């Protein structure tokens, strides 16, 4: 983490934003695992809900996003923390 101390405030902010974008891409990929491309028999007037075969349940996707958000928040705190002079 020596290289992190040499970064300025603006460079640290850019690093946090880039980390957020990378985690968003990872979350989109992980949340879409198993989804089929194209039409999947959606009936807009029916009351039935249907999960695509092989697609993750909504609560699993929720936990994926919560985990990635937690990682981003903890990493942001560590990156943006004021450098300690040793």
PDB file of N, CA and C in Angstrom:
ATOM      1  N   UNK A   1       0.816  -1.196   0.000  1.00  0.00           N
ATOM      2  CA  UNK A   1       0.000   0.000   0.000  1.00  0.00           C
ATOM      3  C   UNK A   1       0.862   1.262   0.000  1.00  0.00           C
ATOM      4  N   UNK A   2       2.150   1.105  -0.192  1.00  0.00           N
ATOM      5  CA  UNK A   2       3.041   2.257  -0.244  1.00  0.00           C
ATOM      6  C   UNK A   2       2.701   3.173  -1.410  1.00  0.00           C
ATOM      7  N   UNK A   3       2.313   2.586  -2.524  1.00  0.00           N
ATOM      8  CA  UNK A   3       2.002   3.382  -3.711  1.00  0.00           C
ATOM      9  C   UNK A   3       0.758   4.228  -3.490  1.00  0.00           C
ATOM     10  N   UNK A   4      -0.124   3.790  -2.605  1.00  0.00           N
ATOM     11  CA  UNK A   4      -1.358   4.517  -2.342  1.00  0.00           C
ATOM     12  C   UNK A   4      -1.090   5.820  -1.592  1.00  0.00           C
ATOM     13  N   UNK A   5      -0.070   5.829  -0.765  1.00  0.00           N
ATOM     14  CA  UNK A   5       0.273   7.047  -0.017  1.00  0.00           C
ATOM     15  C   UNK A   5       0.787   8.160  -0.916  1.00  0.00           C
ATOM     16  N   UNK A   6       1.361   7.770  -2.049  1.00  0.00           N
ATOM     17  CA  UNK A   6       1.920   8.778  -2.958  1.00  0.00           C
ATOM     18  C   UNK A   6       0.860   9.423  -3.841  1.00  0.00           C
ATOM     19  N   UNK A   7      -0.359   8.865  -3.871  1.00  0.00           N
ATOM     20  CA  UNK A   7      -1.408   9.420  -4.713  1.00  0.00           C
ATOM     21  C   UNK A   7      -2.024  10.659  -4.074  1.00  0.00           C
ATOM     22  N   UNK A   8      -2.395  11.616  -4.929  1.00  0.00           N
ATOM     23  CA  UNK A   8      -3.083  12.803  -4.451  1.00  0.00           C
ATOM     24  C   UNK A   8      -4.562  12.526  -4.239  1.00  0.00           C
ATOM     25  N   UNK A   9      -5.262  13.496  -3.686  1.00  0.00           N
ATOM     26  CA  UNK A   9      -6.702  13.339  -3.397  1.00  0.00           C
ATOM     27  C   UNK A   9      -7.494  13.082  -4.671  1.00  0.00           C
ATOM     28  N   UNK A  10      -7.226  13.827  -5.736  1.00  0.00           N
ATOM     29  CA  UNK A  10      -7.956  13.656  -6.993  1.00  0.00           C
ATOM     30  C   UNK A  10      -7.700  12.275  -7.595  1.00  0.00           C
ATOM     31  N   UNK A  11      -6.475  11.805  -7.511  1.00  0.00           N
ATOM     32  CA  UNK A  11      -6.145  10.480  -8.038  1.00  0.00           C
ATOM     33  C   UNK A  11      -6.845   9.379  -7.236  1.00  0.00           C
ATOM     34  N   UNK A  12      -6.987   9.589  -5.948  1.00  0.00           N
ATOM     35  CA  UNK A  12      -7.695   8.617  -5.114  1.00  0.00           C
ATOM     36  C   UNK A  12      -9.177   8.567  -5.476  1.00  0.00           C
ATOM     37  N   UNK A  13      -9.758   9.727  -5.752  1.00  0.00           N
ATOM     38  CA  UNK A  13     -11.169   9.779  -6.134  1.00  0.00           C
ATOM     39  C   UNK A  13     -11.372   9.064  -7.466  1.00  0.00           C
ATOM     40  N   UNK A  14     -10.473   9.276  -8.411  1.00  0.00           N
ATOM     41  CA  UNK A  14     -10.556   8.584  -9.696  1.00  0.00           C
ATOM     42  C   UNK A  14     -10.449   7.072  -9.482  1.00  0.00           C
ATOM     43  N   UNK A  15      -9.589   6.642  -8.597  1.00  0.00           N
ATOM     44  CA  UNK A  15      -9.433   5.221  -8.297  1.00  0.00           C
ATOM     45  C   UNK A  15     -10.711   4.630  -7.695  1.00  0.00           C
ATOM     46  N   UNK A  16     -11.365   5.376  -6.803  1.00  0.00           N
ATOM     47  CA  UNK A  16     -12.614   4.902  -6.194  1.00  0.00           C
ATOM     48  C   UNK A  16     -13.722   4.805  -7.246  1.00  0.00           C
ATOM     49  N   UNK A  17     -13.814   5.783  -8.130  1.00  0.00           N
ATOM     50  CA  UNK A  17     -14.835   5.745  -9.188  1.00  0.00           C
ATOM     51  C   UNK A  17     -14.567   4.584 -10.140  1.00  0.00           C
ATOM     52  N   UNK A  18     -13.310   4.374 -10.515  1.00  0.00           N
ATOM     53  CA  UNK A  18     -12.971   3.258 -11.400  1.00  0.00           C
ATOM     54  C   UNK A  18     -13.294   1.919 -10.734  1.00  0.00           C
ATOM     55  N   UNK A  19     -13.038   1.798  -9.450  1.00  0.00           N
ATOM     56  CA  UNK A  19     -13.392   0.583  -8.726  1.00  0.00           C
ATOM     57  C   UNK A  19     -14.898   0.371  -8.731  1.00  0.00           C
ATOM     58  N   UNK A  20     -15.666   1.439  -8.549  1.00  0.00           N
ATOM     59  CA  UNK A  20     -17.124   1.346  -8.580  1.00  0.00           C
ATOM     60  C   UNK A  20     -17.643   0.895  -9.936  1.00  0.00           C
ATOM     61  N   UNK A  21     -17.059   1.411 -11.010  1.00  0.00           N
ATOM     62  CA  UNK A  21     -17.467   1.014 -12.361  1.00  0.00           C
ATOM     63  C   UNK A  21     -17.123  -0.454 -12.610  1.00  0.00           C
ATOM     64  N   UNK A  22     -15.951  -0.878 -12.169  1.00  0.00           N
ATOM     65  CA  UNK A  22     -15.552  -2.274 -12.355  1.00  0.00           C
ATOM     66  C   UNK A  22     -16.466  -3.217 -11.564  1.00  0.00           C
ATOM     67  N   UNK A  23     -16.818  -2.838 -10.339  1.00  0.00           N
ATOM     68  CA  UNK A  23     -17.712  -3.672  -9.540  1.00  0.00           C
ATOM     69  C   UNK A  23     -19.125  -3.684 -10.117  1.00  0.00           C
ATOM     70  N   UNK A  24     -19.550  -2.583 -10.719  1.00  0.00           N
ATOM     71  CA  UNK A  24     -20.863  -2.553 -11.368  1.00  0.00           C
ATOM     72  C   UNK A  24     -20.892  -3.502 -12.555  1.00  0.00           C
ATOM     73  N   UNK A  25     -19.827  -3.527 -13.335  1.00  0.00           N
ATOM     74  CA  UNK A  25     -19.744  -4.457 -14.463  1.00  0.00           C
ATOM     75  C   UNK A  25     -19.745  -5.895 -13.978  1.00  0.00           C
ATOM     76  N   UNK A  26     -19.014  -6.167 -12.904  1.00  0.00           N
ATOM     77  CA  UNK A  26     -19.003  -7.506 -12.329  1.00  0.00           C
ATOM     78  C   UNK A  26     -20.385  -7.899 -11.812  1.00  0.00           C
ATOM     79  N   UNK A  27     -21.069  -6.976 -11.156  1.00  0.00           N
ATOM     80  CA  UNK A  27     -22.410  -7.244 -10.653  1.00  0.00           C
ATOM     81  C   UNK A  27     -23.409  -7.491 -11.764  1.00  0.00           C
ATOM     82  N   UNK A  28     -23.308  -6.733 -12.846  1.00  0.00           N
ATOM     83  CA  UNK A  28     -24.195  -6.961 -13.988  1.00  0.00           C
ATOM     84  C   UNK A  28     -23.951  -8.326 -14.602  1.00  0.00           C
ATOM     85  N   UNK A  29     -22.690  -8.714 -14.679  1.00  0.00           N
ATOM     86  CA  UNK A  29     -22.367 -10.034 -15.226  1.00  0.00           C
ATOM     87  C   UNK A  29     -22.890 -11.142 -14.317  1.00  0.00           C
ATOM     88  N   UNK A  30     -22.598 -11.032 -13.023  1.00  0.00           N
ATOM     89  CA  UNK A  30     -23.021 -12.068 -12.084  1.00  0.00           C
ATOM     90  C   UNK A  30     -24.541 -12.135 -11.958  1.00  0.00           C
ATOM     91  N   UNK A  31     -25.214 -11.004 -12.017  1.00  0.00           N
ATOM     92  CA  UNK A  31     -26.665 -10.980 -11.925  1.00  0.00           C
ATOM     93  C   UNK A  31     -27.352 -11.532 -13.153  1.00  0.00           C
ATOM     94  N   UNK A  32     -26.665 -11.507 -14.285  1.00  0.00           N
ATOM     95  CA  UNK A  32     -27.250 -11.989 -15.521  1.00  0.00           C
ATOM     96  C   UNK A  32     -26.833 -13.394 -15.903  1.00  0.00           C
ATOM     97  N   UNK A  33     -26.105 -14.070 -15.020  1.00  0.00           N
ATOM     98  CA  UNK A  33     -25.663 -15.427 -15.316  1.00  0.00           C
ATOM     99  C   UNK A  33     -26.882 -16.321 -15.487  1.00  0.00           C
ATOM    100  N   UNK A  34     -26.900 -17.049 -16.571  1.00  0.00           N
ATOM    101  CA  UNK A  34     -27.983 -17.982 -16.820  1.00  0.00           C
ATOM    102  C   UNK A  34     -29.185 -17.394 -17.521  1.00  0.00           C
ATOM    103  N   UNK A  35     -29.164 -16.105 -17.811  1.00  0.00           N
ATOM    104  CA  UNK A  35     -30.321 -15.515 -18.472  1.00  0.00           C
ATOM    105  C   UNK A  35     -30.256 -15.786 -19.964  1.00  0.00           C
ATOM    106  N   UNK A  36     -31.418 -16.015 -20.534  1.00  0.00           N
ATOM    107  CA  UNK A  36     -31.518 -16.281 -21.966  1.00  0.00           C
ATOM    108  C   UNK A  36     -31.655 -14.964 -22.713  1.00  0.00           C
ATOM    109  N   UNK A  37     -31.091 -14.913 -23.869  1.00  0.00           N
ATOM    110  CA  UNK A  37     -31.222 -13.716 -24.699  1.00  0.00           C
ATOM    111  C   UNK A  37     -32.483 -13.835 -25.542  1.00  0.00           C
ATOM    112  N   UNK A  38     -33.204 -12.737 -25.655  1.00  0.00           N
ATOM    113  CA  UNK A  38     -34.382 -12.751 -26.511  1.00  0.00           C
ATOM    114  C   UNK A  38     -35.676 -12.908 -25.737  1.00  0.00           C
ATOM    115  N   UNK A  39     -36.710 -13.268 -26.439  1.00  0.00           N
ATOM    116  CA  UNK A  39     -38.050 -13.371 -25.887  1.00  0.00           C
ATOM    117  C   UNK A  39     -38.179 -14.627 -25.050  1.00  0.00           C
ATOM    118  N   UNK A  40     -38.802 -14.515 -23.868  1.00  0.00           N
ATOM    119  CA  UNK A  40     -38.928 -15.661 -22.969  1.00  0.00           C
ATOM    120  C   UNK A  40     -40.368 -15.865 -22.516  1.00  0.00           C
ATOM    121  N   UNK A  41     -41.332 -15.735 -23.417  1.00  0.00           N
ATOM    122  CA  UNK A  41     -42.745 -15.999 -23.154  1.00  0.00           C
ATOM    123  C   UNK A  41     -43.303 -15.092 -22.074  1.00  0.00           C
ATOM    124  N   UNK A  42     -43.098 -13.822 -22.200  1.00  0.00           N
ATOM    125  CA  UNK A  42     -43.626 -12.851 -21.252  1.00  0.00           C
ATOM    126  C   UNK A  42     -45.052 -12.514 -21.643  1.00  0.00           C
ATOM    127  N   UNK A  43     -45.984 -12.676 -20.728  1.00  0.00           N
ATOM    128  CA  UNK A  43     -47.388 -12.348 -20.968  1.00  0.00           C
ATOM    129  C   UNK A  43     -47.743 -11.144 -20.097  1.00  0.00           C
ATOM    130  N   UNK A  44     -47.817  -9.939 -20.670  1.00  0.00           N
ATOM    131  CA  UNK A  44     -47.994  -8.734 -19.862  1.00  0.00           C
ATOM    132  C   UNK A  44     -49.334  -8.648 -19.135  1.00  0.00           C
ATOM    133  N   UNK A  45     -50.381  -9.319 -19.604  1.00  0.00           N
ATOM    134  CA  UNK A  45     -51.689  -9.214 -18.968  1.00  0.00           C
ATOM    135  C   UNK A  45     -51.944 -10.327 -17.952  1.00  0.00           C
ATOM    136  N   UNK A  46     -51.045 -11.256 -17.812  1.00  0.00           N
ATOM    137  CA  UNK A  46     -51.249 -12.340 -16.854  1.00  0.00           C
ATOM    138  C   UNK A  46     -50.709 -11.931 -15.486  1.00  0.00           C
ATOM    139  N   UNK A  47     -51.195 -12.580 -14.462  1.00  0.00           N
ATOM    140  CA  UNK A  47     -50.740 -12.312 -13.101  1.00  0.00           C
ATOM    141  C   UNK A  47     -49.601 -13.239 -12.689  1.00  0.00           C
ATOM    142  N   UNK A  48     -49.250 -14.174 -13.533  1.00  0.00           N
ATOM    143  CA  UNK A  48     -48.209 -15.146 -13.209  1.00  0.00           C
ATOM    144  C   UNK A  48     -46.834 -14.526 -13.367  1.00  0.00           C
ATOM    145  N   UNK A  49     -45.973 -14.830 -12.435  1.00  0.00           N
ATOM    146  CA  UNK A  49     -44.576 -14.431 -12.559  1.00  0.00           C
ATOM    147  C   UNK A  49     -43.760 -15.671 -12.832  1.00  0.00           C
ATOM    148  N   UNK A  50     -42.826 -15.526 -13.716  1.00  0.00           N
ATOM    149  CA  UNK A  50     -42.020 -16.673 -14.111  1.00  0.00           C
ATOM    150  C   UNK A  50     -40.569 -16.255 -14.158  1.00  0.00           C
ATOM    151  N   UNK A  51     -39.731 -17.022 -13.515  1.00  0.00           N
ATOM    152  CA  UNK A  51     -38.292 -16.780 -13.558  1.00  0.00           C
ATOM    153  C   UNK A  51     -37.737 -17.588 -14.723  1.00  0.00           C
ATOM    154  N   UNK A  52     -36.883 -16.966 -15.487  1.00  0.00           N
ATOM    155  CA  UNK A  52     -36.282 -17.669 -16.616  1.00  0.00           C
ATOM    156  C   UNK A  52     -35.549 -18.910 -16.139  1.00  0.00           C
ATOM    157  N   UNK A  53     -35.599 -19.977 -16.897  1.00  0.00           N
ATOM    158  CA  UNK A  53     -34.861 -21.184 -16.498  1.00  0.00           C
ATOM    159  C   UNK A  53     -33.361 -20.900 -16.394  1.00  0.00           C
ATOM    160  N   UNK A  54     -32.782 -21.285 -15.284  1.00  0.00           N
ATOM    161  CA  UNK A  54     -31.350 -21.085 -15.088  1.00  0.00           C
ATOM    162  C   UNK A  54     -30.975 -19.727 -14.538  1.00  0.00           C
ATOM    163  N   UNK A  55     -31.921 -18.796 -14.459  1.00  0.00           N
ATOM    164  CA  UNK A  55     -31.618 -17.452 -13.957  1.00  0.00           C
ATOM    165  C   UNK A  55     -31.623 -17.463 -12.429  1.00  0.00           C
ATOM    166  N   UNK A  56     -30.797 -16.627 -11.852  1.00  0.00           N
ATOM    167  CA  UNK A  56     -30.701 -16.537 -10.392  1.00  0.00           C
ATOM    168  C   UNK A  56     -31.977 -15.928  -9.813  1.00  0.00           C
ATOM    169  N   UNK A  57     -32.341 -16.380  -8.647  1.00  0.00           N
ATOM    170  CA  UNK A  57     -33.500 -15.816  -7.956  1.00  0.00           C
ATOM    171  C   UNK A  57     -33.200 -14.375  -7.562  1.00  0.00           C
ATOM    172  N   UNK A  58     -34.242 -13.558  -7.424  1.00  0.00           N
ATOM    173  CA  UNK A  58     -34.015 -12.149  -7.068  1.00  0.00           C
ATOM    174  C   UNK A  58     -33.271 -11.954  -5.750  1.00  0.00           C
ATOM    175  N   UNK A  59     -33.503 -12.792  -4.752  1.00  0.00           N
ATOM    176  CA  UNK A  59     -32.810 -12.606  -3.475  1.00  0.00           C
ATOM    177  C   UNK A  59     -31.329 -12.920  -3.600  1.00  0.00           C
ATOM    178  N   UNK A  60     -30.957 -13.829  -4.515  1.00  0.00           N
ATOM    179  CA  UNK A  60     -29.540 -14.120  -4.745  1.00  0.00           C
ATOM    180  C   UNK A  60     -28.869 -12.922  -5.410  1.00  0.00           C
ATOM    181  N   UNK A  61     -29.561 -12.327  -6.375  1.00  0.00           N
ATOM    182  CA  UNK A  61     -29.024 -11.122  -7.029  1.00  0.00           C
ATOM    183  C   UNK A  61     -28.907  -9.974  -6.028  1.00  0.00           C
ATOM    184  N   UNK A  62     -29.878  -9.885  -5.106  1.00  0.00           N
ATOM    185  CA  UNK A  62     -29.807  -8.856  -4.062  1.00  0.00           C
ATOM    186  C   UNK A  62     -28.557  -9.031  -3.211  1.00  0.00           C
ATOM    187  N   UNK A  63     -28.271 -10.255  -2.792  1.00  0.00           N
ATOM    188  CA  UNK A  63     -27.085 -10.501  -1.980  1.00  0.00           C
ATOM    189  C   UNK A  63     -25.796 -10.235  -2.761  1.00  0.00           C
ATOM    190  N   UNK A  64     -25.794 -10.523  -4.051  1.00  0.00           N
ATOM    191  CA  UNK A  64     -24.621 -10.212  -4.876  1.00  0.00           C
ATOM    192  C   UNK A  64     -24.373  -8.705  -4.866  1.00  0.00           C
ATOM    193  N   UNK A  65     -25.440  -7.910  -5.087  1.00  0.00           N
ATOM    194  CA  UNK A  65     -25.277  -6.461  -5.120  1.00  0.00           C
ATOM    195  C   UNK A  65     -24.909  -5.901  -3.749  1.00  0.00           C
ATOM    196  N   UNK A  66     -25.490  -6.460  -2.685  1.00  0.00           N
ATOM    197  CA  UNK A  66     -25.127  -5.990  -1.345  1.00  0.00           C
ATOM    198  C   UNK A  66     -23.672  -6.297  -1.022  1.00  0.00           C
ATOM    199  N   UNK A  67     -23.202  -7.461  -1.415  1.00  0.00           N
ATOM    200  CA  UNK A  67     -21.802  -7.821  -1.179  1.00  0.00           C
ATOM    201  C   UNK A  67     -20.862  -6.906  -1.963  1.00  0.00           C
ATOM    202  N   UNK A  68     -21.175  -6.659  -3.229  1.00  0.00           N
ATOM    203  CA  UNK A  68     -20.318  -5.785  -4.034  1.00  0.00           C
ATOM    204  C   UNK A  68     -20.340  -4.349  -3.523  1.00  0.00           C
ATOM    205  N   UNK A  69     -21.493  -3.880  -3.054  1.00  0.00           N
ATOM    206  CA  UNK A  69     -21.578  -2.533  -2.493  1.00  0.00           C
ATOM    207  C   UNK A  69     -20.766  -2.427  -1.207  1.00  0.00           C
ATOM    208  N   UNK A  70     -20.791  -3.468  -0.397  1.00  0.00           N
ATOM    209  CA  UNK A  70     -20.003  -3.483   0.833  1.00  0.00           C
ATOM    210  C   UNK A  70     -18.509  -3.460   0.530  1.00  0.00           C
ATOM    211  N   UNK A  71     -18.092  -4.251  -0.459  1.00  0.00           N
ATOM    212  CA  UNK A  71     -16.684  -4.256  -0.866  1.00  0.00           C
ATOM    213  C   UNK A  71     -16.272  -2.871  -1.330  1.00  0.00           C
ATOM    214  N   UNK A  72     -17.130  -2.226  -2.138  1.00  0.00           N
ATOM    215  CA  UNK A  72     -16.812  -0.893  -2.649  1.00  0.00           C
ATOM    216  C   UNK A  72     -16.723   0.127  -1.518  1.00  0.00           C
ATOM    217  N   UNK A  73     -17.638   0.062  -0.563  1.00  0.00           N
ATOM    218  CA  UNK A  73     -17.625   1.025   0.537  1.00  0.00           C
ATOM    219  C   UNK A  73     -16.379   0.863   1.406  1.00  0.00           C
ATOM    220  N   UNK A  74     -16.033  -0.369   1.727  1.00  0.00           N
ATOM    221  CA  UNK A  74     -14.844  -0.608   2.567  1.00  0.00           C
ATOM    222  C   UNK A  74     -13.573  -0.200   1.832  1.00  0.00           C
ATOM    223  N   UNK A  75     -13.489  -0.539   0.547  1.00  0.00           N
ATOM    224  CA  UNK A  75     -12.310  -0.148  -0.229  1.00  0.00           C
ATOM    225  C   UNK A  75     -12.226   1.368  -0.374  1.00  0.00           C
ATOM    226  N   UNK A  76     -13.367   2.037  -0.533  1.00  0.00           N
ATOM    227  CA  UNK A  76     -13.372   3.496  -0.654  1.00  0.00           C
ATOM    228  C   UNK A  76     -12.890   4.158   0.625  1.00  0.00           C
ATOM    229  N   UNK A  77     -13.315   3.620   1.760  1.00  0.00           N
ATOM    230  CA  UNK A  77     -12.855   4.168   3.036  1.00  0.00           C
ATOM    231  C   UNK A  77     -11.344   4.006   3.160  1.00  0.00           C
ATOM    232  N   UNK A  78     -10.845   2.835   2.785  1.00  0.00           N
ATOM    233  CA  UNK A  78      -9.399   2.587   2.887  1.00  0.00           C
ATOM    234  C   UNK A  78      -8.611   3.470   1.920  1.00  0.00           C
ATOM    235  N   UNK A  79      -9.133   3.674   0.729  1.00  0.00           N
ATOM    236  CA  UNK A  79      -8.416   4.470  -0.275  1.00  0.00           C
ATOM    237  C   UNK A  79      -8.461   5.955   0.060  1.00  0.00           C
ATOM    238  N   UNK A  80      -9.624   6.443   0.499  1.00  0.00           N
ATOM    239  CA  UNK A  80      -9.775   7.878   0.729  1.00  0.00           C
ATOM    240  C   UNK A  80      -9.327   8.333   2.118  1.00  0.00           C
ATOM    241  N   UNK A  81      -8.959   7.386   2.967  1.00  0.00           N
ATOM    242  CA  UNK A  81      -8.477   7.752   4.304  1.00  0.00           C
ATOM    243  C   UNK A  81      -7.236   8.634   4.162  1.00  0.00           C
ATOM    244  N   UNK A  82      -7.164   9.624   5.021  1.00  0.00           N
ATOM    245  CA  UNK A  82      -6.013  10.528   4.982  1.00  0.00           C
ATOM    246  C   UNK A  82      -4.730   9.757   5.261  1.00  0.00           C
ATOM    247  N   UNK A  83      -3.690   9.992   4.482  1.00  0.00           N
ATOM    248  CA  UNK A  83      -2.453   9.255   4.698  1.00  0.00           C
ATOM    249  C   UNK A  83      -1.829   9.595   6.054  1.00  0.00           C
ATOM    250  N   UNK A  84      -1.335   8.578   6.710  1.00  0.00           N
ATOM    251  CA  UNK A  84      -0.667   8.786   7.997  1.00  0.00           C
ATOM    252  C   UNK A  84       0.816   8.995   7.752  1.00  0.00           C
ATOM    253  N   UNK A  85       1.377   9.966   8.423  1.00  0.00           N
ATOM    254  CA  UNK A  85       2.817  10.229   8.273  1.00  0.00           C
ATOM    255  C   UNK A  85       3.571   9.366   9.276  1.00  0.00           C
ATOM    256  N   UNK A  86       4.467   8.559   8.752  1.00  0.00           N
ATOM    257  CA  UNK A  86       5.238   7.643   9.608  1.00  0.00           C
ATOM    258  C   UNK A  86       6.684   8.035   9.628  1.00  0.00           C
TER     259      UNK A  86
END
